[in-house]
C-alpha atoms as a PDB file:
ATOM      1  CA  MET A   1     -11.557  12.415  11.803  1.00  0.00           C
ATOM      2  CA  LEU A   2      -8.691  10.076  10.938  1.00  0.00           C
ATOM      3  CA  ARG A   3      -6.614   8.379  13.532  1.00  0.00           C
ATOM      4  CA  VAL A   4      -3.042   7.977  12.559  1.00  0.00           C
ATOM      5  CA  LEU A   5      -0.454   6.016  14.289  1.00  0.00           C
ATOM      6  CA  LEU A   6       3.060   7.214  13.525  1.00  0.00           C
ATOM      7  CA  ALA A   7       5.729   4.407  13.963  1.00  0.00           C
ATOM      8  CA  ASP A   8       9.400   5.532  13.523  1.00  0.00           C
ATOM      9  CA  ASP A   9      12.509   5.150  15.591  1.00  0.00           C
ATOM     10  CA  GLN A  10      13.600   8.663  15.327  1.00  0.00           C
ATOM     11  CA  THR A  11      12.377  11.029  17.666  1.00  0.00           C
ATOM     12  CA  LEU A  12      12.451  14.303  15.666  1.00  0.00           C
ATOM     13  CA  VAL A  13      11.091  12.553  12.494  1.00  0.00           C
ATOM     14  CA  ARG A  14       7.987  11.428  14.663  1.00  0.00           C
ATOM     15  CA  SER A  15       7.523  14.800  16.138  1.00  0.00           C
ATOM     16  CA  ALA A  16       7.612  16.293  12.791  1.00  0.00           C
ATOM     17  CA  PHE A  17       4.724  14.001  11.511  1.00  0.00           C
ATOM     18  CA  ALA A  18       2.908  14.714  14.674  1.00  0.00           C
ATOM     19  CA  MET A  19       2.811  18.695  14.547  1.00  0.00           C
ATOM     20  CA  LEU A  20       1.950  17.907  10.527  1.00  0.00           C
ATOM     21  CA  VAL A  21      -0.813  15.623  11.337  1.00  0.00           C
ATOM     22  CA  ALA A  22      -2.167  17.995  14.198  1.00  0.00           C
ATOM     23  CA  SER A  23      -2.324  20.339  11.759  1.00  0.00           C
ATOM     24  CA  ALA A  24      -5.122  18.968   9.242  1.00  0.00           C
ATOM     25  CA  SER A  25      -8.538  19.602  10.404  1.00  0.00           C
ATOM     26  CA  ASP A  26      -9.240  15.942   9.275  1.00  0.00           C
ATOM     27  CA  MET A  27      -6.555  14.009  11.326  1.00  0.00           C
ATOM     28  CA  THR A  28      -5.534  13.150  14.603  1.00  0.00           C
ATOM     29  CA  VAL A  29      -2.261  11.796  16.196  1.00  0.00           C
ATOM     30  CA  ALA A  30      -3.903   8.513  17.546  1.00  0.00           C
ATOM     31  CA  GLY A  31      -0.404   7.496  18.933  1.00  0.00           C
ATOM     32  CA  GLU A  32       3.400   7.036  18.549  1.00  0.00           C
ATOM     33  CA  ALA A  33       5.581   4.079  18.494  1.00  0.00           C
ATOM     34  CA  GLU A  34       9.370   4.117  18.369  1.00  0.00           C
ATOM     35  CA  ASN A  35       9.674   0.154  17.063  1.00  0.00           C
ATOM     36  CA  GLY A  36       8.161  -2.061  14.886  1.00  0.00           C
ATOM     37  CA  THR A  37       7.133  -4.460  17.978  1.00  0.00           C
ATOM     38  CA  ARG A  38       5.393  -1.083  19.522  1.00  0.00           C
ATOM     39  CA  ALA A  39       3.503  -0.220  16.898  1.00  0.00           C
ATOM     40  CA  VAL A  40       1.665  -3.531  16.489  1.00  0.00           C
ATOM     41  CA  GLU A  41       0.782  -3.179  19.933  1.00  0.00           C
ATOM     42  CA  LEU A  42      -0.769   0.120  19.694  1.00  0.00           C
ATOM     43  CA  THR A  43      -2.343  -0.507  16.569  1.00  0.00           C
ATOM     44  CA  ARG A  44      -4.366  -3.723  18.313  1.00  0.00           C
ATOM     45  CA  GLU A  45      -4.534  -1.220  21.482  1.00  0.00           C
ATOM     46  CA  LEU A  46      -5.728   1.993  19.634  1.00  0.00           C
ATOM     47  CA  ARG A  47      -7.211   0.828  15.996  1.00  0.00           C
ATOM     48  CA  PRO A  48      -6.099   3.654  14.185  1.00  0.00           C
ATOM     49  CA  ASP A  49      -7.208   3.964  10.584  1.00  0.00           C
ATOM     50  CA  VAL A  50      -3.786   4.508   9.189  1.00  0.00           C
ATOM     51  CA  VAL A  51      -0.363   3.055  10.479  1.00  0.00           C
ATOM     52  CA  VAL A  52       2.810   5.435   8.899  1.00  0.00           C
ATOM     53  CA  MET A  53       5.383   2.899   9.395  1.00  0.00           C
ATOM     54  CA  ASP A  54       9.052   3.430   8.724  1.00  0.00           C
ATOM     55  CA  ILE A  55      10.623   0.251   7.089  1.00  0.00           C
ATOM     56  CA  ARG A  56      13.937   0.503   9.013  1.00  0.00           C
ATOM     57  CA  MET A  57      13.587   0.290  12.545  1.00  0.00           C
ATOM     58  CA  PRO A  58      15.717  -1.807  15.286  1.00  0.00           C
ATOM     59  CA  GLY A  59      14.160  -4.769  16.461  1.00  0.00           C
ATOM     60  CA  LEU A  60      11.075  -5.425  14.515  1.00  0.00           C
ATOM     61  CA  ASP A  61      11.532  -3.742  11.388  1.00  0.00           C
ATOM     62  CA  GLY A  62       8.549  -2.193   9.665  1.00  0.00           C
ATOM     63  CA  ILE A  63       8.209  -4.858   7.104  1.00  0.00           C
ATOM     64  CA  GLU A  64       7.390  -7.362   9.437  1.00  0.00           C
ATOM     65  CA  ALA A  65       5.184  -5.114  11.563  1.00  0.00           C
ATOM     66  CA  THR A  66       2.984  -4.529   9.188  1.00  0.00           C
ATOM     67  CA  ARG A  67       2.637  -8.289   8.166  1.00  0.00           C
ATOM     68  CA  ARG A  68       1.767  -8.997  11.755  1.00  0.00           C
ATOM     69  CA  ILE A  69      -0.832  -5.869  11.474  1.00  0.00           C
ATOM     70  CA  ALA A  70      -2.341  -7.368   7.970  1.00  0.00           C
ATOM     71  CA  ALA A  71      -2.556 -10.799   9.032  1.00  0.00           C
ATOM     72  CA  ASP A  72      -4.574 -10.028  12.018  1.00  0.00           C
ATOM     73  CA  PRO A  73      -8.486 -10.096  11.032  1.00  0.00           C
ATOM     74  CA  GLU A  74      -9.351  -7.881  13.669  1.00  0.00           C
ATOM     75  CA  LEU A  75      -7.271  -4.993  12.090  1.00  0.00           C
ATOM     76  CA  ALA A  76      -9.053  -5.702   8.689  1.00  0.00           C
ATOM     77  CA  GLY A  77      -9.903  -1.701   8.627  1.00  0.00           C
ATOM     78  CA  VAL A  78      -6.385  -0.426   9.307  1.00  0.00           C
ATOM     79  CA  ARG A  79      -4.132   1.029   6.487  1.00  0.00           C
ATOM     80  CA  VAL A  80      -0.541   0.920   6.499  1.00  0.00           C
ATOM     81  CA  LEU A  81       1.447   3.558   4.816  1.00  0.00           C
ATOM     82  CA  VAL A  82       5.133   2.463   4.783  1.00  0.00           C
ATOM     83  CA  LEU A  83       8.231   5.327   4.400  1.00  0.00           C
ATOM     84  CA  THR A  84      11.126   4.444   2.250  1.00  0.00           C
ATOM     85  CA  THR A  85      13.660   6.051   0.167  1.00  0.00           C
ATOM     86  CA  PHE A  86      14.554   5.471  -3.550  1.00  0.00           C
ATOM     87  CA  ASP A  87      17.318   2.980  -2.860  1.00  0.00           C
ATOM     88  CA  ASP A  88      15.179   0.566  -0.943  1.00  0.00           C
ATOM     89  CA  ASP A  89      13.458  -1.085  -3.556  1.00  0.00           C
ATOM     90  CA  GLU A  90      13.437  -4.385  -2.259  1.00  0.00           C
ATOM     91  CA  SER A  91      12.480  -3.509   0.907  1.00  0.00           C
ATOM     92  CA  VAL A  92       9.468  -1.523  -0.202  1.00  0.00           C
ATOM     93  CA  LEU A  93       8.441  -4.554  -2.614  1.00  0.00           C
ATOM     94  CA  ALA A  94       8.701  -6.575   0.475  1.00  0.00           C
ATOM     95  CA  ALA A  95       6.195  -4.422   2.198  1.00  0.00           C
ATOM     96  CA  LEU A  96       3.590  -4.086  -0.524  1.00  0.00           C
ATOM     97  CA  ARG A  97       3.688  -8.073  -0.537  1.00  0.00           C
ATOM     98  CA  ALA A  98       3.657  -7.986   3.533  1.00  0.00           C
ATOM     99  CA  GLY A  99       0.182  -6.065   2.992  1.00  0.00           C
ATOM    100  CA  ALA A 100       0.902  -2.117   3.201  1.00  0.00           C
ATOM    101  CA  ALA A 101      -1.280  -0.195   1.385  1.00  0.00           C
ATOM    102  CA  GLY A 102       0.953   2.252  -0.074  1.00  0.00           C
ATOM    103  CA  PHE A 103       4.433   4.033   0.290  1.00  0.00           C
ATOM    104  CA  LEU A 104       5.842   7.366   0.036  1.00  0.00           C
ATOM    105  CA  VAL A 105       9.678   8.600  -0.058  1.00  0.00           C
ATOM    106  CA  LYS A 106      10.692  10.311   3.567  1.00  0.00           C
ATOM    107  CA  ASP A 107      11.347  13.820   1.593  1.00  0.00           C
ATOM    108  CA  THR A 108       8.095  13.809   0.585  1.00  0.00           C
ATOM    109  CA  ARG A 109       6.710  17.272   1.090  1.00  0.00           C
ATOM    110  CA  PRO A 110       4.223  17.765   4.051  1.00  0.00           C
ATOM    111  CA  ALA A 111       1.133  18.244   1.719  1.00  0.00           C
ATOM    112  CA  GLU A 112       1.855  15.206  -0.081  1.00  0.00           C
ATOM    113  CA  LEU A 113       1.804  13.270   3.246  1.00  0.00           C
ATOM    114  CA  LEU A 114      -1.576  14.295   4.619  1.00  0.00           C
ATOM    115  CA  ASP A 115      -2.845  13.482   0.852  1.00  0.00           C
ATOM    116  CA  ALA A 116      -1.254  10.060   1.079  1.00  0.00           C
ATOM    117  CA  ILE A 117      -2.929   9.117   4.356  1.00  0.00           C
ATOM    118  CA  ARG A 118      -6.014  10.276   3.084  1.00  0.00           C
ATOM    119  CA  ILE A 119      -5.888   8.083  -0.240  1.00  0.00           C
ATOM    120  CA  VAL A 120      -4.603   5.129   2.092  1.00  0.00           C
ATOM    121  CA  ALA A 121      -7.980   5.462   4.373  1.00  0.00           C
ATOM    122  CA  ALA A 122     -10.167   5.550   1.610  1.00  0.00           C
ATOM    123  CA  GLY A 123      -9.159   2.581   0.412  1.00  0.00           C
ATOM    124  CA  GLU A 124      -7.237   3.303  -2.640  1.00  0.00           C
ATOM    125  CA  ALA A 125      -3.527   2.842  -3.419  1.00  0.00           C
ATOM    126  CA  LEU A 126      -1.031   5.171  -3.999  1.00  0.00           C
ATOM    127  CA  LEU A 127      -0.867   5.257  -7.618  1.00  0.00           C
ATOM    128  CA  SER A 128      -1.268   8.802  -8.618  1.00  0.00           C
ATOM    129  CA  PRO A 129       1.540  10.674 -10.572  1.00  0.00           C
ATOM    130  CA  GLY A 130       4.154  12.364  -8.724  1.00  0.00           C
ATOM    131  CA  PRO A 131       7.091  10.667  -6.851  1.00  0.00           C
ATOM    132  CA  THR A 132       5.200   7.864  -5.556  1.00  0.00           C
ATOM    133  CA  ALA A 133       3.905   6.711  -9.129  1.00  0.00           C
ATOM    134  CA  ARG A 134       7.760   6.502 -10.527  1.00  0.00           C
ATOM    135  CA  LEU A 135       8.849   4.496  -7.576  1.00  0.00           C
ATOM    136  CA  VAL A 136       5.786   2.000  -7.863  1.00  0.00           C
ATOM    137  CA  ALA A 137       7.093   1.973 -11.521  1.00  0.00           C
ATOM    138  CA  ARG A 138      10.634   1.477 -10.335  1.00  0.00           C
ATOM    139  CA  VAL A 139       9.506  -1.216  -7.658  1.00  0.00           C
ATOM    140  CA  VAL A 140       7.132  -3.190  -9.839  1.00  0.00           C
ATOM    141  CA  ARG A 141       9.593  -3.573 -12.798  1.00  0.00           C
ATOM    142  CA  MET A 142      12.169  -5.384 -10.384  1.00  0.00           C
ATOM    143  CA  PRO A 143      12.729  -8.934 -11.775  1.00  0.00           C
ATOM    144  CA  ALA A 144      10.498 -11.437  -9.974  1.00  0.00           C
ATOM    145  CA  ALA A 145      12.183 -14.927  -8.381  1.00  0.00           C
ATOM    146  CA  PRO A 146      10.517 -18.156 -10.409  1.00  0.00           C
ATOM    147  CA  HIS A 147       8.720 -18.969  -7.060  1.00  0.00           C
ATOM    148  CA  ALA A 148       7.122 -15.327  -7.204  1.00  0.00           C
ATOM    149  CA  GLU A 149       5.897 -16.052 -10.644  1.00  0.00           C
ATOM    150  CA  GLY A 150       4.723 -19.167  -9.896  1.00  0.00           C
ATOM    151  CA  ALA A 151       2.654 -17.921  -7.216  1.00  0.00           C
ATOM    152  CA  GLY A 152       1.268 -14.697  -9.260  1.00  0.00           C
ATOM    153  CA  ALA A 153      -0.039 -16.981 -11.880  1.00  0.00           C
ATOM    154  CA  GLN A 154      -1.900 -19.067  -9.188  1.00  0.00           C
ATOM    155  CA  MET A 155      -3.507 -16.188  -7.988  1.00  0.00           C
ATOM    156  CA  ILE A 156      -4.812 -15.166 -11.158  1.00  0.00           C
ATOM    157  CA  ALA A 157      -6.202 -18.154 -11.986  1.00  0.00           C
ATOM    158  CA  GLU A 158      -9.633 -18.036 -11.053  1.00  0.00           C
ATOM    159  CA  LEU A 159     -10.125 -14.678 -12.738  1.00  0.00           C
ATOM    160  CA  SER A 160     -12.403 -13.920 -15.603  1.00  0.00           C
ATOM    161  CA  ALA A 161     -10.990 -12.961 -18.901  1.00  0.00           C
ATOM    162  CA  ARG A 162     -12.625  -9.248 -18.146  1.00  0.00           C
ATOM    163  CA  GLU A 163     -11.071  -9.578 -14.898  1.00  0.00           C
ATOM    164  CA  ARG A 164      -7.790 -10.119 -16.164  1.00  0.00           C
ATOM    165  CA  GLU A 165      -8.061  -7.174 -18.195  1.00  0.00           C
ATOM    166  CA  VAL A 166      -9.240  -5.040 -15.389  1.00  0.00           C
ATOM    167  CA  LEU A 167      -6.169  -6.661 -13.457  1.00  0.00           C
ATOM    168  CA  ALA A 168      -3.592  -5.671 -16.293  1.00  0.00           C
ATOM    169  CA  LEU A 169      -4.659  -2.066 -16.558  1.00  0.00           C
ATOM    170  CA  VAL A 170      -4.634  -1.987 -12.189  1.00  0.00           C
ATOM    171  CA  GLY A 171      -1.120  -3.204 -12.767  1.00  0.00           C
ATOM    172  CA  ARG A 172      -0.030  -0.707 -15.246  1.00  0.00           C
ATOM    173  CA  GLY A 173      -1.118   2.087 -12.618  1.00  0.00           C
ATOM    174  CA  MET A 174      -4.253   3.467 -13.590  1.00  0.00           C
ATOM    175  CA  ASN A 175      -7.346   4.254 -11.157  1.00  0.00           C
ATOM    176  CA  ASN A 176     -10.834   3.141 -11.936  1.00  0.00           C
ATOM    177  CA  ALA A 177     -11.782   5.936 -13.936  1.00  0.00           C
ATOM    178  CA  GLU A 178      -9.108   5.286 -16.659  1.00  0.00           C
ATOM    179  CA  VAL A 179      -9.653   1.840 -16.383  1.00  0.00           C
ATOM    180  CA  ALA A 180     -13.607   2.452 -17.270  1.00  0.00           C
ATOM    181  CA  THR A 181     -12.700   4.910 -20.125  1.00  0.00           C
ATOM    182  CA  VAL A 182     -10.543   2.191 -21.627  1.00  0.00           C
ATOM    183  CA  LEU A 183     -12.770  -0.685 -21.116  1.00  0.00           C
ATOM    184  CA  GLY A 184     -15.523   1.315 -22.115  1.00  0.00           C
ATOM    185  CA  LEU A 185     -17.303   0.237 -18.479  1.00  0.00           C
ATOM    186  CA  SER A 186     -18.614   2.828 -15.953  1.00  0.00           C
ATOM    187  CA  PRO A 187     -16.166   3.140 -12.913  1.00  0.00           C
ATOM    188  CA  LEU A 188     -18.988   1.506 -10.690  1.00  0.00           C
ATOM    189  CA  THR A 189     -18.214  -1.864 -12.685  1.00  0.00           C
ATOM    190  CA  VAL A 190     -14.636  -1.311 -12.250  1.00  0.00           C
ATOM    191  CA  LYS A 191     -14.614  -0.972  -8.881  1.00  0.00           C
ATOM    192  CA  THR A 192     -17.115  -3.993  -8.371  1.00  0.00           C
ATOM    193  CA  HIS A 193     -14.398  -5.942 -10.714  1.00  0.00           C
ATOM    194  CA  VAL A 194     -11.582  -4.889  -8.339  1.00  0.00           C
ATOM    195  CA  SER A 195     -13.485  -5.717  -5.235  1.00  0.00           C
ATOM    196  CA  ARG A 196     -14.155  -9.197  -6.490  1.00  0.00           C
ATOM    197  CA  MET A 197     -10.477  -9.468  -7.544  1.00  0.00           C
ATOM    198  CA  MET A 198      -9.135  -9.136  -4.450  1.00  0.00           C
ATOM    199  CA  ALA A 199     -11.592 -11.397  -2.984  1.00  0.00           C
ATOM    200  CA  LYS A 200     -10.995 -14.339  -5.486  1.00  0.00           C
ATOM    201  CA  MET A 201      -7.194 -13.575  -4.986  1.00  0.00           C
ATOM    202  CA  GLY A 202      -6.724 -13.198  -1.367  1.00  0.00           C
ATOM    203  CA  ALA A 203      -5.603  -9.622  -1.566  1.00  0.00           C
ATOM    204  CA  ARG A 204      -5.819  -7.202   0.958  1.00  0.00           C
ATOM    205  CA  ASP A 205      -5.839  -4.096  -1.452  1.00  0.00           C
ATOM    206  CA  ARG A 206      -5.046  -2.530  -4.756  1.00  0.00           C
ATOM    207  CA  PRO A 207      -1.253  -2.426  -4.238  1.00  0.00           C
ATOM    208  CA  GLN A 208      -1.290  -6.280  -3.628  1.00  0.00           C
ATOM    209  CA  LEU A 209      -2.971  -6.377  -7.256  1.00  0.00           C
ATOM    210  CA  VAL A 210      -0.205  -4.539  -9.041  1.00  0.00           C
ATOM    211  CA  VAL A 211       2.009  -6.697  -7.324  1.00  0.00           C
ATOM    212  CA  ALA A 212       0.333  -9.691  -8.399  1.00  0.00           C
ATOM    213  CA  ALA A 213      -0.461  -8.754 -12.107  1.00  0.00           C
ATOM    214  CA  TYR A 214       3.340  -8.053 -12.801  1.00  0.00           C
ATOM    215  CA  GLU A 215       4.524 -11.841 -10.388  1.00  0.00           C
ATOM    216  CA  SER A 216       2.340 -13.844 -12.406  1.00  0.00           C
ATOM    217  CA  GLY A 217       3.286 -11.957 -16.160  1.00  0.00           C
ATOM    218  CA  LEU A 218      -0.068 -10.461 -17.026  1.00  0.00           C
ATOM    219  CA  VAL A 219       1.933  -7.381 -17.004  1.00  0.00           C
ATOM    220  CA  ARG A 220       5.797  -7.084 -17.989  1.00  0.00           C
ATOM    221  CA  ALA A 221       8.264  -4.516 -17.365  1.00  0.00           C
ATOM    222  CA  GLY A 222       8.338  -1.317 -19.819  1.00  0.00           C
ATOM    223  CA  GLU A 223       4.974  -2.363 -20.836  1.00  0.00           C
END
């Protein structure tokens, strides 16, 4: 049973999400938070599998709350799924850098929200076809600041040639099976490469690999 914490400053939104999560046979609502500070507190107290986090909240926003959760070694098993809108690209990218495992738009369909929670809980990134994939593409194609490109280059410096090939394809939004097909490898081998890259680069999850692929220049906008 997946335990989900809902963080949103709007009571009606939280209630709607809570009813939706409760309707799924494989999920339960672990708790609700009205701001980022409370979200961090409840995450430490309740240890949910997934936190559905609104970006814009009064006081401590969703980005900083995500950063604090991702930086806590005791919360390594918690995944954060942030909520956003299409006109909030900079905040989305900041959330990914902070450690969010993925994101979706606030007007997503109910079934897509439940699927997103399952995907994130399984350790995957939200890079599948659909609105989320288009938002990922839009975000990662934003020009990176010079210092970001330098940091990205440092992150991939220790990768092997094969790992860089895998990272480039991951950066284009491919899943393990698709990468395996392109490179003539088994999905298990690709999964091993991804795990090793995350360890070498200090990446919490797959979305951070995508960001690093673009910031390092390994993948360029439009490729």
